[in-house]
N, C-alpha and C. Protein backbone atom coordinates (compact mmCIF):
# COMPACT_ATOMS: atom_id res chain seq x y z
N MET A 1 11.90 -1.15 16.00
CA MET A 1 10.77 -1.79 15.36
C MET A 1 11.01 -1.81 13.86
N LEU A 2 10.62 -2.88 13.22
CA LEU A 2 10.76 -3.00 11.78
C LEU A 2 9.68 -2.18 11.08
N HIS A 3 10.06 -1.49 10.03
CA HIS A 3 9.11 -0.63 9.31
C HIS A 3 8.98 -1.11 7.88
N GLU A 4 7.91 -0.64 7.23
CA GLU A 4 7.66 -1.02 5.85
C GLU A 4 8.74 -0.45 4.93
N MET A 5 8.97 -1.16 3.82
CA MET A 5 9.90 -0.68 2.80
C MET A 5 9.07 -0.12 1.65
N SER A 6 9.47 1.04 1.16
CA SER A 6 8.78 1.65 0.04
C SER A 6 9.57 1.38 -1.24
N ILE A 7 8.97 0.64 -2.16
CA ILE A 7 9.59 0.34 -3.44
C ILE A 7 8.62 0.78 -4.53
N GLY A 8 9.00 1.82 -5.25
CA GLY A 8 8.15 2.33 -6.31
C GLY A 8 6.82 2.87 -5.80
N GLY A 9 6.80 3.40 -4.60
CA GLY A 9 5.57 3.94 -4.03
C GLY A 9 4.68 2.90 -3.37
N MET A 10 5.07 1.64 -3.43
CA MET A 10 4.29 0.59 -2.78
C MET A 10 4.98 0.19 -1.49
N LEU A 11 4.21 -0.08 -0.46
CA LEU A 11 4.76 -0.47 0.83
C LEU A 11 4.81 -2.00 0.94
N PHE A 12 5.96 -2.50 1.35
CA PHE A 12 6.15 -3.94 1.51
C PHE A 12 6.56 -4.24 2.95
N SER A 13 6.15 -5.36 3.43
CA SER A 13 6.51 -5.81 4.77
C SER A 13 7.99 -6.17 4.82
N PRO A 14 8.65 -5.92 5.95
CA PRO A 14 10.05 -6.33 6.06
C PRO A 14 10.22 -7.86 6.03
N LEU A 15 9.14 -8.57 6.28
CA LEU A 15 9.21 -10.04 6.21
C LEU A 15 9.45 -10.52 4.78
N LEU A 16 9.16 -9.65 3.81
CA LEU A 16 9.43 -10.00 2.42
C LEU A 16 10.92 -10.21 2.19
N ALA A 17 11.75 -9.49 2.90
CA ALA A 17 13.21 -9.65 2.77
C ALA A 17 13.76 -10.67 3.76
N LEU A 18 13.09 -10.86 4.89
CA LEU A 18 13.61 -11.74 5.94
C LEU A 18 13.22 -13.20 5.73
N ALA A 19 12.10 -13.46 5.09
CA ALA A 19 11.65 -14.84 4.89
C ALA A 19 12.61 -15.65 4.01
N PRO A 20 13.15 -15.09 2.91
CA PRO A 20 14.12 -15.89 2.13
C PRO A 20 15.39 -16.22 2.91
N VAL A 21 15.81 -15.31 3.79
CA VAL A 21 17.00 -15.59 4.61
C VAL A 21 16.71 -16.76 5.54
N ALA A 22 15.54 -16.74 6.17
CA ALA A 22 15.16 -17.84 7.06
C ALA A 22 15.02 -19.15 6.28
N PHE A 23 14.50 -19.06 5.06
CA PHE A 23 14.37 -20.27 4.23
C PHE A 23 15.73 -20.85 3.89
N LEU A 24 16.68 -19.98 3.54
CA LEU A 24 18.03 -20.47 3.22
C LEU A 24 18.70 -21.10 4.43
N LEU A 25 18.50 -20.52 5.60
CA LEU A 25 19.06 -21.11 6.82
C LEU A 25 18.43 -22.47 7.12
N SER A 26 17.12 -22.57 6.97
CA SER A 26 16.46 -23.85 7.24
C SER A 26 16.83 -24.90 6.19
N ALA A 27 17.00 -24.47 4.93
CA ALA A 27 17.42 -25.42 3.90
C ALA A 27 18.84 -25.90 4.17
N GLY A 28 19.72 -25.01 4.62
CA GLY A 28 21.08 -25.41 4.97
C GLY A 28 21.09 -26.37 6.14
N THR A 29 20.25 -26.13 7.12
CA THR A 29 20.16 -27.03 8.26
C THR A 29 19.61 -28.39 7.82
N ARG A 30 18.63 -28.37 6.92
CA ARG A 30 18.06 -29.62 6.41
C ARG A 30 19.13 -30.44 5.69
N LEU A 31 19.93 -29.77 4.85
CA LEU A 31 21.00 -30.47 4.14
C LEU A 31 22.06 -31.01 5.10
N ALA A 32 22.40 -30.23 6.11
CA ALA A 32 23.39 -30.69 7.09
C ALA A 32 22.88 -31.91 7.86
N LEU A 33 21.60 -31.89 8.25
CA LEU A 33 21.03 -33.05 8.94
C LEU A 33 20.99 -34.27 8.04
N HIS A 34 20.74 -34.05 6.75
CA HIS A 34 20.70 -35.17 5.80
C HIS A 34 22.09 -35.78 5.63
N HIS A 35 23.10 -34.93 5.48
CA HIS A 35 24.45 -35.44 5.26
C HIS A 35 25.03 -36.09 6.52
N LEU A 36 24.58 -35.65 7.69
CA LEU A 36 25.04 -36.26 8.94
C LEU A 36 24.19 -37.47 9.33
N LYS A 37 23.20 -37.78 8.48
CA LYS A 37 22.30 -38.92 8.71
C LYS A 37 21.54 -38.81 10.04
N LEU A 38 21.13 -37.60 10.37
CA LEU A 38 20.35 -37.36 11.59
C LEU A 38 18.86 -37.19 11.30
N ARG A 39 18.47 -37.12 10.03
CA ARG A 39 17.06 -36.94 9.68
C ARG A 39 16.23 -38.16 10.08
N ARG A 40 16.84 -39.30 10.23
CA ARG A 40 16.07 -40.50 10.57
C ARG A 40 15.52 -40.46 11.99
N PHE A 41 16.06 -39.56 12.83
CA PHE A 41 15.58 -39.43 14.20
C PHE A 41 14.39 -38.48 14.32
N ILE A 42 14.03 -37.82 13.22
CA ILE A 42 12.93 -36.87 13.23
C ILE A 42 11.66 -37.62 12.86
N TRP A 43 10.64 -37.49 13.71
CA TRP A 43 9.42 -38.27 13.52
C TRP A 43 8.58 -37.71 12.37
N LYS A 44 8.24 -36.44 12.41
CA LYS A 44 7.45 -35.79 11.36
C LYS A 44 8.32 -34.73 10.70
N GLU A 45 8.93 -35.08 9.58
CA GLU A 45 9.91 -34.21 8.95
C GLU A 45 9.31 -32.90 8.45
N ALA A 46 8.11 -32.93 7.91
CA ALA A 46 7.50 -31.71 7.39
C ALA A 46 7.22 -30.72 8.51
N TRP A 47 6.71 -31.22 9.64
CA TRP A 47 6.45 -30.33 10.78
C TRP A 47 7.75 -29.79 11.35
N PHE A 48 8.78 -30.60 11.35
CA PHE A 48 10.07 -30.15 11.82
C PHE A 48 10.61 -29.04 10.93
N ASP A 49 10.46 -29.18 9.61
CA ASP A 49 10.93 -28.16 8.69
C ASP A 49 10.19 -26.84 8.88
N VAL A 50 8.88 -26.92 9.04
CA VAL A 50 8.09 -25.70 9.26
C VAL A 50 8.48 -25.05 10.58
N ALA A 51 8.63 -25.84 11.64
CA ALA A 51 9.00 -25.29 12.93
C ALA A 51 10.39 -24.67 12.90
N MET A 52 11.31 -25.29 12.17
CA MET A 52 12.66 -24.74 12.04
C MET A 52 12.63 -23.41 11.30
N PHE A 53 11.83 -23.32 10.23
CA PHE A 53 11.69 -22.07 9.49
C PHE A 53 11.13 -20.97 10.38
N VAL A 54 10.10 -21.28 11.15
CA VAL A 54 9.48 -20.29 12.02
C VAL A 54 10.46 -19.84 13.11
N CYS A 55 11.22 -20.76 13.66
CA CYS A 55 12.21 -20.40 14.68
C CYS A 55 13.32 -19.52 14.10
N TYR A 56 13.79 -19.85 12.91
CA TYR A 56 14.81 -19.01 12.27
C TYR A 56 14.24 -17.62 11.97
N LEU A 57 13.02 -17.55 11.46
CA LEU A 57 12.41 -16.27 11.14
C LEU A 57 12.22 -15.43 12.40
N ALA A 58 11.76 -16.05 13.47
CA ALA A 58 11.58 -15.31 14.73
C ALA A 58 12.92 -14.83 15.27
N GLY A 59 13.95 -15.65 15.15
CA GLY A 59 15.28 -15.25 15.61
C GLY A 59 15.84 -14.08 14.82
N ILE A 60 15.64 -14.10 13.50
CA ILE A 60 16.13 -13.00 12.66
C ILE A 60 15.38 -11.72 12.99
N VAL A 61 14.07 -11.80 13.14
CA VAL A 61 13.29 -10.61 13.49
C VAL A 61 13.72 -10.07 14.85
N TYR A 62 13.96 -10.95 15.79
CA TYR A 62 14.40 -10.53 17.12
C TYR A 62 15.76 -9.84 17.06
N LEU A 63 16.69 -10.40 16.29
CA LEU A 63 18.02 -9.82 16.20
C LEU A 63 18.04 -8.49 15.47
N LEU A 64 17.18 -8.31 14.47
CA LEU A 64 17.19 -7.08 13.70
C LEU A 64 16.29 -5.99 14.27
N ASP A 65 15.46 -6.33 15.23
CA ASP A 65 14.60 -5.34 15.86
C ASP A 65 15.42 -4.53 16.85
N ASN A 66 15.23 -3.23 16.83
CA ASN A 66 16.00 -2.36 17.75
C ASN A 66 15.29 -2.22 19.07
């Protein structure tokens, strides 16, 4: 199970460190889809980006959870 991180006596959620990783993965996927000219097949691009971020974040949490 993921536990809080203590920085300077304050407790932070582990999602604080995992969300930027998921954002970088989704941004990389977005750029790859743009360069491969596959973004035109996506109907609602904003919803696709949010869903991709959530899927990456869930996958990272699943992989790092013991």
